[in-house]
Amino acid sequence: MTDRKTPADRLWDGIFAIVTGLTVAVVGALLVYFGTPLIEAQLRAPSCDDPRGLKPITVGAPTSDSPDAVLSGYELEHLVDADVASAWVEGVGGDTPSTNLGQGLTLTFTLPGEGADLQMICIVNGYSKSWKTFQQNASIRLTTVSTDAGPSLTSGLDAKQQANFASFELLDFSQGPTQSVVLRIDSARQGSFENPAEIYSDLAVSEIEFWVNP
């Protein structure tokens, strides 16, 4: 079949093809540039700062088998009172900071009803009423969490700086349906206040949150 296009028609066809190709390339680049963060955001795992679709669950104060689990005035209820300025403080005997850091204590939390599909546990480690109180008290270094969903897992909690002393951290654990959560303190980090005479021989934790699939 005879090509009846004039040279001008072919020129415009070429220009149109080039413009179309450039448009597709630009749109594709824009989609990659703007779409990639959105896709990454959708795929990102839940965090204490961004729990995604997870829901918080109300849990009562934990129990402990240890008679020295509580320092008077700093009861276990403070762990779940939604106030990072309050704290649970253990009450193991001892006169010096190096002998009283709560190692071996276990806390057992019971989820309401028949339990829930637990997906995230967040903790505010240390006494976060102020930067001073945080420095004066010991905090958890290693803790092991056990649930009904699988094997126990141990978390190493970072040493905090002033900028993030009241922030939540994730705990490692076996996710899934569970009715109980057992937290064991394996080791602690000594307080590091500038005046050693004002460092208390206690370990403190300000808050623990539990997040479940709705």
N, C-alpha and C. Protein backbone atom coordinates (compact mmCIF):
# COMPACT_ATOMS: atom_id res chain seq x y z
N MET A 1 0.85 -1.19 0.00
CA MET A 1 0.00 0.00 0.00
C MET A 1 0.89 1.24 0.00
N THR A 2 0.52 2.19 -0.84
CA THR A 2 1.32 3.39 -1.00
C THR A 2 1.21 4.28 0.23
N ASP A 3 2.37 4.74 0.73
CA ASP A 3 2.41 5.67 1.85
C ASP A 3 2.08 7.05 1.33
N ARG A 4 0.92 7.56 1.74
CA ARG A 4 0.46 8.85 1.22
C ARG A 4 0.82 10.00 2.15
N LYS A 5 1.61 9.72 3.18
CA LYS A 5 2.01 10.80 4.07
C LYS A 5 3.04 11.69 3.42
N THR A 6 2.88 12.94 3.64
CA THR A 6 3.83 13.91 3.11
C THR A 6 5.03 13.96 4.05
N PRO A 7 6.15 14.53 3.61
CA PRO A 7 7.30 14.72 4.50
C PRO A 7 6.93 15.48 5.77
N ALA A 8 6.02 16.43 5.65
CA ALA A 8 5.61 17.19 6.83
C ALA A 8 4.86 16.29 7.82
N ASP A 9 4.02 15.36 7.24
CA ASP A 9 3.30 14.43 8.12
C ASP A 9 4.29 13.54 8.86
N ARG A 10 5.28 13.06 8.14
CA ARG A 10 6.26 12.18 8.78
C ARG A 10 7.04 12.93 9.85
N LEU A 11 7.33 14.19 9.60
CA LEU A 11 8.04 15.01 10.58
C LEU A 11 7.22 15.14 11.86
N TRP A 12 5.92 15.44 11.68
CA TRP A 12 5.06 15.58 12.86
C TRP A 12 4.89 14.25 13.59
N ASP A 13 4.83 13.15 12.83
CA ASP A 13 4.75 11.83 13.47
C ASP A 13 5.99 11.58 14.33
N GLY A 14 7.16 11.97 13.80
CA GLY A 14 8.40 11.79 14.55
C GLY A 14 8.42 12.64 15.81
N ILE A 15 7.97 13.89 15.65
CA ILE A 15 7.93 14.77 16.81
C ILE A 15 6.97 14.23 17.86
N PHE A 16 5.81 13.73 17.40
CA PHE A 16 4.81 13.18 18.33
C PHE A 16 5.38 11.96 19.08
N ALA A 17 6.09 11.10 18.36
CA ALA A 17 6.68 9.92 18.99
C ALA A 17 7.71 10.31 20.04
N ILE A 18 8.52 11.33 19.71
CA ILE A 18 9.54 11.79 20.66
C ILE A 18 8.88 12.38 21.90
N VAL A 19 7.86 13.24 21.68
CA VAL A 19 7.17 13.86 22.81
C VAL A 19 6.49 12.80 23.67
N THR A 20 5.86 11.82 23.00
CA THR A 20 5.20 10.75 23.75
C THR A 20 6.21 9.96 24.58
N GLY A 21 7.35 9.64 23.97
CA GLY A 21 8.39 8.90 24.69
C GLY A 21 8.92 9.68 25.88
N LEU A 22 9.16 10.98 25.68
CA LEU A 22 9.64 11.80 26.78
C LEU A 22 8.60 11.91 27.89
N THR A 23 7.32 12.05 27.50
CA THR A 23 6.26 12.15 28.50
C THR A 23 6.17 10.87 29.34
N VAL A 24 6.22 9.73 28.65
CA VAL A 24 6.18 8.46 29.37
C VAL A 24 7.36 8.33 30.31
N ALA A 25 8.55 8.74 29.85
CA ALA A 25 9.75 8.65 30.68
C ALA A 25 9.64 9.55 31.90
N VAL A 26 9.16 10.79 31.69
CA VAL A 26 9.03 11.74 32.80
C VAL A 26 8.00 11.26 33.80
N VAL A 27 6.84 10.81 33.30
CA VAL A 27 5.78 10.32 34.19
C VAL A 27 6.28 9.10 34.97
N GLY A 28 7.00 8.20 34.27
CA GLY A 28 7.54 7.02 34.95
C GLY A 28 8.52 7.40 36.04
N ALA A 29 9.39 8.38 35.73
CA ALA A 29 10.37 8.82 36.73
C ALA A 29 9.67 9.46 37.93
N LEU A 30 8.61 10.24 37.67
CA LEU A 30 7.87 10.87 38.76
C LEU A 30 7.17 9.82 39.63
N LEU A 31 6.61 8.81 38.95
CA LEU A 31 5.95 7.75 39.72
C LEU A 31 6.95 7.02 40.61
N VAL A 32 8.14 6.76 40.07
CA VAL A 32 9.16 6.09 40.88
C VAL A 32 9.60 6.99 42.03
N TYR A 33 9.80 8.28 41.72
CA TYR A 33 10.31 9.21 42.73
C TYR A 33 9.31 9.40 43.87
N PHE A 34 8.03 9.62 43.50
CA PHE A 34 7.03 9.88 44.53
C PHE A 34 6.37 8.60 45.03
N GLY A 35 6.32 7.59 44.20
CA GLY A 35 5.63 6.37 44.58
C GLY A 35 6.45 5.47 45.47
N THR A 36 7.78 5.46 45.28
CA THR A 36 8.61 4.56 46.08
C THR A 36 8.47 4.81 47.58
N PRO A 37 8.54 6.08 48.06
CA PRO A 37 8.34 6.29 49.50
C PRO A 37 6.98 5.82 49.99
N LEU A 38 5.94 5.99 49.14
CA LEU A 38 4.61 5.55 49.55
C LEU A 38 4.56 4.04 49.67
N ILE A 39 5.16 3.36 48.70
CA ILE A 39 5.19 1.89 48.74
C ILE A 39 5.99 1.41 49.93
N GLU A 40 7.15 2.06 50.16
CA GLU A 40 7.97 1.68 51.31
C GLU A 40 7.22 1.90 52.62
N ALA A 41 6.44 2.99 52.67
CA ALA A 41 5.68 3.28 53.87
C ALA A 41 4.63 2.20 54.12
N GLN A 42 4.01 1.72 53.03
CA GLN A 42 3.01 0.68 53.17
C GLN A 42 3.62 -0.65 53.62
N LEU A 43 4.86 -0.89 53.19
CA LEU A 43 5.52 -2.16 53.52
C LEU A 43 6.27 -2.10 54.84
N ARG A 44 6.48 -0.90 55.38
CA ARG A 44 7.25 -0.75 56.60
C ARG A 44 6.56 -1.41 57.77
N ALA A 45 7.35 -2.10 58.59
CA ALA A 45 6.79 -2.78 59.76
C ALA A 45 6.30 -1.75 60.78
N PRO A 46 5.30 -2.10 61.57
CA PRO A 46 4.84 -1.19 62.62
C PRO A 46 5.97 -0.87 63.59
N SER A 47 5.92 0.32 64.17
CA SER A 47 6.91 0.73 65.16
C SER A 47 6.18 1.42 66.30
N CYS A 48 6.89 1.68 67.38
CA CYS A 48 6.28 2.37 68.52
C CYS A 48 5.82 3.77 68.13
N ASP A 49 6.53 4.41 67.20
CA ASP A 49 6.15 5.74 66.73
C ASP A 49 5.05 5.69 65.68
N ASP A 50 4.98 4.57 64.96
CA ASP A 50 3.99 4.42 63.89
C ASP A 50 3.42 3.00 63.94
N PRO A 51 2.41 2.79 64.78
CA PRO A 51 1.88 1.43 64.96
C PRO A 51 1.06 0.91 63.79
N ARG A 52 0.92 1.73 62.75
CA ARG A 52 0.17 1.33 61.57
C ARG A 52 -1.27 0.98 61.94
N GLY A 53 -1.74 -0.24 61.58
CA GLY A 53 -3.12 -0.61 61.88
C GLY A 53 -3.30 -1.33 63.20
N LEU A 54 -2.23 -1.44 63.98
CA LEU A 54 -2.35 -2.14 65.26
C LEU A 54 -3.12 -1.30 66.28
N LYS A 55 -3.74 -1.98 67.23
CA LYS A 55 -4.53 -1.31 68.25
C LYS A 55 -3.93 -1.57 69.64
N PRO A 56 -3.89 -0.56 70.50
CA PRO A 56 -3.41 -0.79 71.87
C PRO A 56 -4.43 -1.58 72.66
N ILE A 57 -3.96 -2.42 73.55
CA ILE A 57 -4.86 -3.19 74.39
C ILE A 57 -4.57 -2.84 75.85
N THR A 58 -5.64 -2.68 76.61
CA THR A 58 -5.49 -2.33 78.03
C THR A 58 -5.14 -3.59 78.83
N VAL A 59 -4.05 -3.52 79.54
CA VAL A 59 -3.57 -4.65 80.34
C VAL A 59 -3.41 -4.18 81.78
N GLY A 60 -3.84 -5.00 82.71
CA GLY A 60 -3.72 -4.64 84.11
C GLY A 60 -2.29 -4.75 84.60
N ALA A 61 -2.06 -4.34 85.81
CA ALA A 61 -0.72 -4.40 86.40
C ALA A 61 -0.22 -5.83 86.42
N PRO A 62 1.06 -6.05 86.17
CA PRO A 62 1.60 -7.41 86.20
C PRO A 62 1.72 -7.94 87.62
N THR A 63 2.01 -9.21 87.71
CA THR A 63 2.30 -9.83 89.00
C THR A 63 3.74 -10.31 89.00
N SER A 64 4.26 -10.58 90.20
CA SER A 64 5.62 -11.08 90.33
C SER A 64 5.69 -12.03 91.52
N ASP A 65 6.47 -13.07 91.37
CA ASP A 65 6.65 -14.04 92.46
C ASP A 65 7.63 -13.53 93.51
N SER A 66 8.38 -12.48 93.17
CA SER A 66 9.39 -12.00 94.09
C SER A 66 8.79 -11.09 95.16
N PRO A 67 9.11 -11.31 96.43
CA PRO A 67 8.61 -10.42 97.49
C PRO A 67 9.29 -9.05 97.44
N ASP A 68 10.37 -8.95 96.68
CA ASP A 68 11.12 -7.69 96.58
C ASP A 68 10.90 -6.99 95.24
N ALA A 69 9.77 -7.29 94.60
CA ALA A 69 9.55 -6.77 93.25
C ALA A 69 9.18 -5.30 93.22
N VAL A 70 8.81 -4.72 94.35
CA VAL A 70 8.30 -3.35 94.34
C VAL A 70 8.93 -2.53 95.46
N LEU A 71 9.41 -1.34 95.10
CA LEU A 71 9.80 -0.35 96.09
C LEU A 71 8.56 0.44 96.47
N SER A 72 8.27 0.58 97.74
CA SER A 72 7.06 1.24 98.20
C SER A 72 6.89 2.61 97.55
N GLY A 73 5.71 2.83 97.00
CA GLY A 73 5.42 4.09 96.33
C GLY A 73 5.63 4.05 94.83
N TYR A 74 6.23 2.97 94.34
CA TYR A 74 6.53 2.85 92.90
C TYR A 74 6.01 1.50 92.41
N GLU A 75 4.70 1.29 92.58
CA GLU A 75 4.09 0.00 92.36
C GLU A 75 4.06 -0.39 90.88
N LEU A 76 3.74 -1.67 90.66
CA LEU A 76 3.70 -2.22 89.31
C LEU A 76 2.64 -1.56 88.44
N GLU A 77 1.62 -0.98 89.05
CA GLU A 77 0.58 -0.29 88.29
C GLU A 77 1.15 0.82 87.41
N HIS A 78 2.26 1.39 87.84
CA HIS A 78 2.85 2.50 87.07
C HIS A 78 3.35 2.05 85.70
N LEU A 79 3.53 0.76 85.50
CA LEU A 79 3.98 0.26 84.20
C LEU A 79 2.92 0.41 83.13
N VAL A 80 1.65 0.45 83.53
CA VAL A 80 0.56 0.45 82.55
C VAL A 80 -0.43 1.59 82.80
N ASP A 81 0.06 2.71 83.32
CA ASP A 81 -0.84 3.83 83.64
C ASP A 81 -0.83 4.92 82.57
N ALA A 82 -0.20 4.65 81.43
CA ALA A 82 -0.16 5.61 80.31
C ALA A 82 0.51 6.92 80.70
N ASP A 83 1.44 6.86 81.63
CA ASP A 83 2.14 8.06 82.09
C ASP A 83 3.64 7.75 82.15
N VAL A 84 4.41 8.27 81.20
CA VAL A 84 5.84 7.97 81.17
C VAL A 84 6.61 8.71 82.26
N ALA A 85 5.93 9.62 82.97
CA ALA A 85 6.59 10.34 84.06
C ALA A 85 6.54 9.57 85.38
N SER A 86 5.72 8.52 85.42
CA SER A 86 5.69 7.66 86.61
C SER A 86 6.51 6.41 86.30
N ALA A 87 6.84 5.63 87.32
CA ALA A 87 7.67 4.46 87.08
C ALA A 87 7.44 3.38 88.11
N TRP A 88 7.63 2.14 87.67
CA TRP A 88 7.78 1.03 88.60
C TRP A 88 9.25 0.96 88.98
N VAL A 89 9.51 0.78 90.26
CA VAL A 89 10.88 0.64 90.74
C VAL A 89 10.96 -0.64 91.57
N GLU A 90 11.91 -1.50 91.24
CA GLU A 90 12.04 -2.75 92.00
C GLU A 90 12.62 -2.45 93.37
N GLY A 91 12.40 -3.39 94.32
CA GLY A 91 12.80 -3.12 95.69
C GLY A 91 13.71 -4.16 96.29
N VAL A 92 14.57 -4.78 95.45
CA VAL A 92 15.52 -5.75 95.97
C VAL A 92 16.46 -5.06 96.95
N GLY A 93 16.74 -5.69 98.08
CA GLY A 93 17.57 -5.04 99.10
C GLY A 93 18.99 -4.80 98.66
N GLY A 94 19.62 -3.83 99.30
CA GLY A 94 21.01 -3.52 98.98
C GLY A 94 21.30 -2.06 99.25
N ASP A 95 22.51 -1.76 99.64
CA ASP A 95 22.85 -0.40 100.02
C ASP A 95 23.61 0.36 98.94
N THR A 96 24.19 -0.35 97.99
CA THR A 96 24.98 0.30 96.96
C THR A 96 24.39 0.03 95.60
N PRO A 97 24.59 0.94 94.63
CA PRO A 97 24.01 0.75 93.31
C PRO A 97 24.41 -0.56 92.65
N SER A 98 25.61 -1.03 92.89
CA SER A 98 26.09 -2.21 92.18
C SER A 98 25.43 -3.50 92.65
N THR A 99 24.73 -3.49 93.79
CA THR A 99 24.14 -4.72 94.30
C THR A 99 22.63 -4.79 94.13
N ASN A 100 22.03 -3.80 93.51
CA ASN A 100 20.56 -3.72 93.50
C ASN A 100 20.06 -3.30 92.13
N LEU A 101 20.07 -4.24 91.19
CA LEU A 101 19.69 -3.89 89.83
C LEU A 101 18.58 -4.77 89.26
N GLY A 102 17.93 -5.54 90.11
CA GLY A 102 16.72 -6.24 89.69
C GLY A 102 16.91 -7.48 88.84
N GLN A 103 18.14 -7.97 88.66
CA GLN A 103 18.33 -9.13 87.81
C GLN A 103 17.56 -10.33 88.34
N GLY A 104 16.98 -11.07 87.40
CA GLY A 104 16.25 -12.27 87.75
C GLY A 104 14.79 -12.06 88.07
N LEU A 105 14.36 -10.83 88.28
CA LEU A 105 12.95 -10.57 88.53
C LEU A 105 12.12 -10.88 87.28
N THR A 106 10.95 -11.45 87.47
CA THR A 106 10.03 -11.69 86.36
C THR A 106 8.71 -10.99 86.64
N LEU A 107 8.14 -10.44 85.59
CA LEU A 107 6.83 -9.78 85.66
C LEU A 107 5.91 -10.49 84.69
N THR A 108 4.72 -10.87 85.15
CA THR A 108 3.77 -11.58 84.31
C THR A 108 2.55 -10.71 84.05
N PHE A 109 2.32 -10.42 82.77
CA PHE A 109 1.15 -9.65 82.34
C PHE A 109 0.11 -10.62 81.79
N THR A 110 -1.15 -10.39 82.14
CA THR A 110 -2.25 -11.22 81.63
C THR A 110 -3.14 -10.37 80.74
N LEU A 111 -3.28 -10.78 79.47
CA LEU A 111 -4.14 -10.05 78.55
C LEU A 111 -5.59 -10.35 78.87
N PRO A 112 -6.48 -9.39 78.64
CA PRO A 112 -7.89 -9.58 79.02
C PRO A 112 -8.59 -10.64 78.18
N GLY A 113 -9.67 -11.17 78.72
CA GLY A 113 -10.46 -12.17 78.00
C GLY A 113 -9.68 -13.44 77.78
N GLU A 114 -9.77 -13.95 76.58
CA GLU A 114 -9.06 -15.17 76.21
C GLU A 114 -7.73 -14.86 75.53
N GLY A 115 -7.28 -13.65 75.65
CA GLY A 115 -6.02 -13.26 75.04
C GLY A 115 -6.24 -12.52 73.73
N ALA A 116 -5.15 -12.26 73.02
CA ALA A 116 -5.23 -11.50 71.77
C ALA A 116 -4.04 -11.84 70.89
N ASP A 117 -4.13 -11.39 69.64
CA ASP A 117 -3.05 -11.60 68.67
C ASP A 117 -2.01 -10.50 68.87
N LEU A 118 -1.09 -10.72 69.76
CA LEU A 118 -0.11 -9.70 70.15
C LEU A 118 0.95 -9.55 69.07
N GLN A 119 1.16 -8.31 68.62
CA GLN A 119 2.10 -8.04 67.53
C GLN A 119 3.23 -7.10 67.90
N MET A 120 3.09 -6.33 68.97
CA MET A 120 4.13 -5.37 69.30
C MET A 120 4.08 -5.04 70.79
N ILE A 121 5.27 -4.98 71.41
CA ILE A 121 5.40 -4.54 72.79
C ILE A 121 6.39 -3.38 72.80
N CYS A 122 5.99 -2.27 73.40
CA CYS A 122 6.84 -1.09 73.47
C CYS A 122 7.12 -0.74 74.94
N ILE A 123 8.34 -0.36 75.22
CA ILE A 123 8.74 -0.09 76.60
C ILE A 123 9.45 1.26 76.69
N VAL A 124 9.15 2.00 77.76
CA VAL A 124 9.93 3.19 78.11
C VAL A 124 10.84 2.75 79.26
N ASN A 125 12.07 2.50 78.94
CA ASN A 125 13.03 1.96 79.89
C ASN A 125 13.55 3.06 80.81
N GLY A 126 13.76 2.74 82.09
CA GLY A 126 14.29 3.72 83.03
C GLY A 126 13.20 4.58 83.65
N TYR A 127 13.60 5.47 84.52
CA TYR A 127 12.67 6.38 85.20
C TYR A 127 12.65 7.69 84.42
N SER A 128 11.61 7.89 83.61
CA SER A 128 11.60 8.98 82.63
C SER A 128 10.85 10.22 83.09
N LYS A 129 10.73 10.42 84.38
CA LYS A 129 10.11 11.65 84.87
C LYS A 129 10.90 12.87 84.42
N SER A 130 12.21 12.75 84.41
CA SER A 130 13.09 13.82 83.95
C SER A 130 14.42 13.19 83.55
N TRP A 131 15.25 13.96 82.89
CA TRP A 131 16.57 13.47 82.53
C TRP A 131 17.38 13.16 83.79
N LYS A 132 17.18 13.94 84.83
CA LYS A 132 17.89 13.70 86.08
C LYS A 132 17.47 12.36 86.69
N THR A 133 16.15 12.12 86.81
CA THR A 133 15.71 10.87 87.41
C THR A 133 16.13 9.67 86.56
N PHE A 134 16.19 9.86 85.24
CA PHE A 134 16.66 8.77 84.40
C PHE A 134 18.12 8.43 84.72
N GLN A 135 18.93 9.45 84.86
CA GLN A 135 20.35 9.23 85.15
C GLN A 135 20.58 8.64 86.54
N GLN A 136 19.68 8.94 87.46
CA GLN A 136 19.88 8.50 88.84
C GLN A 136 19.52 7.04 89.07
N ASN A 137 18.73 6.47 88.18
CA ASN A 137 18.24 5.11 88.37
C ASN A 137 18.79 4.16 87.31
N ALA A 138 18.87 2.90 87.68
CA ALA A 138 19.29 1.88 86.72
C ALA A 138 18.17 1.61 85.73
N SER A 139 18.52 1.06 84.59
CA SER A 139 17.54 0.69 83.57
C SER A 139 17.91 -0.69 83.02
N ILE A 140 17.00 -1.28 82.28
CA ILE A 140 17.23 -2.63 81.74
C ILE A 140 18.26 -2.60 80.62
N ARG A 141 19.17 -3.55 80.66
CA ARG A 141 20.12 -3.74 79.57
C ARG A 141 19.67 -4.92 78.69
N LEU A 142 19.34 -6.05 79.31
CA LEU A 142 18.86 -7.23 78.60
C LEU A 142 17.59 -7.73 79.27
N THR A 143 16.59 -8.07 78.47
CA THR A 143 15.36 -8.64 79.01
C THR A 143 14.84 -9.71 78.06
N THR A 144 14.28 -10.76 78.63
CA THR A 144 13.73 -11.86 77.85
C THR A 144 12.22 -11.88 78.01
N VAL A 145 11.52 -11.98 76.87
CA VAL A 145 10.06 -11.98 76.88
C VAL A 145 9.56 -13.34 76.40
N SER A 146 8.61 -13.91 77.16
CA SER A 146 7.99 -15.19 76.81
C SER A 146 6.49 -14.99 76.61
N THR A 147 5.94 -15.60 75.56
CA THR A 147 4.50 -15.58 75.31
C THR A 147 4.04 -17.01 75.02
N ASP A 148 2.74 -17.17 74.84
CA ASP A 148 2.19 -18.48 74.50
C ASP A 148 2.42 -18.82 73.03
N ALA A 149 2.90 -17.87 72.26
CA ALA A 149 2.96 -18.06 70.81
C ALA A 149 4.23 -18.74 70.32
N GLY A 150 5.27 -18.85 71.15
CA GLY A 150 6.51 -19.45 70.66
C GLY A 150 7.64 -19.30 71.65
N PRO A 151 8.87 -19.49 71.18
CA PRO A 151 10.02 -19.45 72.08
C PRO A 151 10.28 -18.07 72.66
N SER A 152 10.96 -18.06 73.80
CA SER A 152 11.34 -16.80 74.44
C SER A 152 12.41 -16.10 73.61
N LEU A 153 12.37 -14.78 73.58
CA LEU A 153 13.34 -13.99 72.84
C LEU A 153 13.91 -12.90 73.75
N THR A 154 15.19 -12.61 73.56
CA THR A 154 15.88 -11.63 74.40
C THR A 154 16.14 -10.35 73.62
N SER A 155 15.90 -9.23 74.27
CA SER A 155 16.15 -7.91 73.68
C SER A 155 17.28 -7.21 74.41
N GLY A 156 18.14 -6.56 73.65
CA GLY A 156 19.14 -5.67 74.22
C GLY A 156 18.67 -4.24 74.05
N LEU A 157 18.49 -3.53 75.14
CA LEU A 157 17.99 -2.15 75.07
C LEU A 157 19.16 -1.17 75.09
N ASP A 158 19.08 -0.19 74.22
CA ASP A 158 20.18 0.77 74.05
C ASP A 158 20.31 1.71 75.24
N ALA A 159 21.52 2.17 75.46
CA ALA A 159 21.73 3.26 76.41
C ALA A 159 21.13 4.53 75.81
N LYS A 160 20.37 5.27 76.61
CA LYS A 160 19.67 6.45 76.09
C LYS A 160 20.46 7.72 76.35
N GLN A 161 20.21 8.68 75.46
CA GLN A 161 20.77 10.01 75.62
C GLN A 161 19.65 10.98 76.02
N GLN A 162 20.00 12.19 76.35
CA GLN A 162 19.00 13.15 76.82
C GLN A 162 17.91 13.38 75.78
N ALA A 163 18.26 13.35 74.51
CA ALA A 163 17.28 13.64 73.47
C ALA A 163 16.19 12.58 73.38
N ASN A 164 16.44 11.36 73.86
CA ASN A 164 15.45 10.30 73.69
C ASN A 164 15.20 9.50 74.96
N PHE A 165 15.48 10.08 76.12
CA PHE A 165 15.41 9.30 77.36
C PHE A 165 13.99 8.83 77.68
N ALA A 166 12.95 9.51 77.16
CA ALA A 166 11.58 9.12 77.45
C ALA A 166 10.91 8.43 76.27
N SER A 167 11.69 7.94 75.32
CA SER A 167 11.13 7.33 74.12
C SER A 167 10.82 5.85 74.32
N PHE A 168 9.89 5.34 73.52
CA PHE A 168 9.54 3.92 73.53
C PHE A 168 10.53 3.13 72.67
N GLU A 169 10.77 1.88 73.07
CA GLU A 169 11.60 0.96 72.31
C GLU A 169 10.83 -0.34 72.11
N LEU A 170 11.13 -1.02 71.01
CA LEU A 170 10.50 -2.31 70.73
C LEU A 170 11.18 -3.43 71.50
N LEU A 171 10.38 -4.38 71.96
CA LEU A 171 10.90 -5.60 72.56
C LEU A 171 10.72 -6.75 71.58
N ASP A 172 11.68 -7.64 71.52
CA ASP A 172 11.57 -8.84 70.71
C ASP A 172 10.77 -9.89 71.46
N PHE A 173 9.88 -10.59 70.75
CA PHE A 173 9.10 -11.66 71.35
C PHE A 173 8.44 -12.46 70.23
N SER A 174 7.90 -13.61 70.57
CA SER A 174 7.19 -14.43 69.59
C SER A 174 5.78 -13.88 69.42
N GLN A 175 5.51 -13.33 68.24
CA GLN A 175 4.22 -12.71 67.96
C GLN A 175 3.14 -13.78 67.75
N GLY A 176 1.90 -13.40 68.06
CA GLY A 176 0.79 -14.31 67.82
C GLY A 176 -0.17 -14.34 68.99
N PRO A 177 -1.18 -15.21 68.91
CA PRO A 177 -2.17 -15.29 69.98
C PRO A 177 -1.54 -15.69 71.30
N THR A 178 -1.83 -14.95 72.34
CA THR A 178 -1.29 -15.25 73.66
C THR A 178 -2.20 -14.66 74.73
N GLN A 179 -2.18 -15.26 75.88
CA GLN A 179 -2.92 -14.70 77.01
C GLN A 179 -2.00 -14.15 78.07
N SER A 180 -0.74 -14.59 78.05
CA SER A 180 0.20 -14.09 79.05
C SER A 180 1.49 -13.63 78.40
N VAL A 181 2.13 -12.69 79.05
CA VAL A 181 3.43 -12.18 78.63
C VAL A 181 4.31 -12.13 79.88
N VAL A 182 5.43 -12.83 79.83
CA VAL A 182 6.34 -12.85 80.97
C VAL A 182 7.63 -12.13 80.58
N LEU A 183 7.95 -11.10 81.33
CA LEU A 183 9.17 -10.33 81.10
C LEU A 183 10.16 -10.63 82.21
N ARG A 184 11.34 -11.08 81.84
CA ARG A 184 12.39 -11.37 82.82
C ARG A 184 13.54 -10.39 82.64
N ILE A 185 14.00 -9.80 83.72
CA ILE A 185 15.14 -8.88 83.67
C ILE A 185 16.42 -9.71 83.78
N ASP A 186 17.22 -9.69 82.73
CA ASP A 186 18.45 -10.47 82.70
C ASP A 186 19.66 -9.69 83.18
N SER A 187 19.74 -8.43 82.82
CA SER A 187 20.82 -7.58 83.30
C SER A 187 20.39 -6.12 83.21
N ALA A 188 21.09 -5.27 83.94
CA ALA A 188 20.70 -3.87 84.03
C ALA A 188 21.89 -2.95 83.75
N ARG A 189 21.55 -1.71 83.48
CA ARG A 189 22.56 -0.67 83.25
C ARG A 189 22.51 0.31 84.41
N GLN A 190 23.63 0.47 85.07
CA GLN A 190 23.71 1.34 86.24
C GLN A 190 23.41 2.80 85.90
N GLY A 191 22.81 3.52 86.84
CA GLY A 191 22.64 4.95 86.66
C GLY A 191 23.98 5.64 86.51
N SER A 192 23.98 6.79 85.86
CA SER A 192 25.24 7.47 85.56
C SER A 192 25.14 8.97 85.84
N PHE A 193 24.57 9.33 86.97
CA PHE A 193 24.42 10.75 87.32
C PHE A 193 25.79 11.34 87.67
N GLU A 194 25.92 12.65 87.44
CA GLU A 194 27.21 13.31 87.65
C GLU A 194 27.68 13.24 89.11
N ASN A 195 26.73 13.19 90.03
CA ASN A 195 27.08 13.08 91.45
C ASN A 195 26.81 11.64 91.89
N PRO A 196 27.83 10.81 92.07
CA PRO A 196 27.62 9.41 92.42
C PRO A 196 26.80 9.23 93.70
N ALA A 197 26.86 10.19 94.61
CA ALA A 197 26.11 10.07 95.86
C ALA A 197 24.61 10.13 95.63
N GLU A 198 24.17 10.62 94.46
CA GLU A 198 22.75 10.74 94.15
C GLU A 198 22.26 9.65 93.21
N ILE A 199 23.07 8.63 92.98
CA ILE A 199 22.63 7.49 92.17
C ILE A 199 21.95 6.48 93.08
N TYR A 200 20.71 6.10 92.72
CA TYR A 200 19.95 5.19 93.56
C TYR A 200 20.23 3.74 93.20
N SER A 201 20.13 2.88 94.20
CA SER A 201 20.37 1.45 93.98
C SER A 201 19.06 0.77 93.60
N ASP A 202 18.48 1.20 92.49
CA ASP A 202 17.20 0.67 92.03
C ASP A 202 17.15 0.62 90.51
N LEU A 203 16.38 -0.31 90.02
CA LEU A 203 16.08 -0.37 88.59
C LEU A 203 14.66 0.11 88.37
N ALA A 204 14.46 0.91 87.33
CA ALA A 204 13.14 1.48 87.08
C ALA A 204 12.72 1.29 85.62
N VAL A 205 11.42 1.15 85.43
CA VAL A 205 10.81 1.11 84.09
C VAL A 205 9.57 1.98 84.15
N SER A 206 9.40 2.86 83.16
CA SER A 206 8.30 3.83 83.22
C SER A 206 7.00 3.34 82.60
N GLU A 207 7.06 2.61 81.50
CA GLU A 207 5.82 2.25 80.82
C GLU A 207 6.04 1.07 79.89
N ILE A 208 4.99 0.25 79.74
CA ILE A 208 4.97 -0.84 78.76
C ILE A 208 3.62 -0.81 78.06
N GLU A 209 3.64 -0.86 76.73
CA GLU A 209 2.42 -0.88 75.92
C GLU A 209 2.34 -2.18 75.14
N PHE A 210 1.11 -2.64 74.92
CA PHE A 210 0.86 -3.86 74.16
C PHE A 210 -0.05 -3.52 72.97
N TRP A 211 0.36 -3.96 71.78
CA TRP A 211 -0.36 -3.65 70.55
C TRP A 211 -0.77 -4.95 69.86
N VAL A 212 -2.03 -5.01 69.41
CA VAL A 212 -2.57 -6.25 68.86
C VAL A 212 -3.22 -5.99 67.50
N ASN A 213 -3.40 -7.07 66.75
CA ASN A 213 -4.21 -6.98 65.54
C ASN A 213 -5.66 -6.75 65.94
N PRO A 214 -6.33 -5.83 65.26
CA PRO A 214 -7.72 -5.54 65.63
C PRO A 214 -8.65 -6.70 65.31
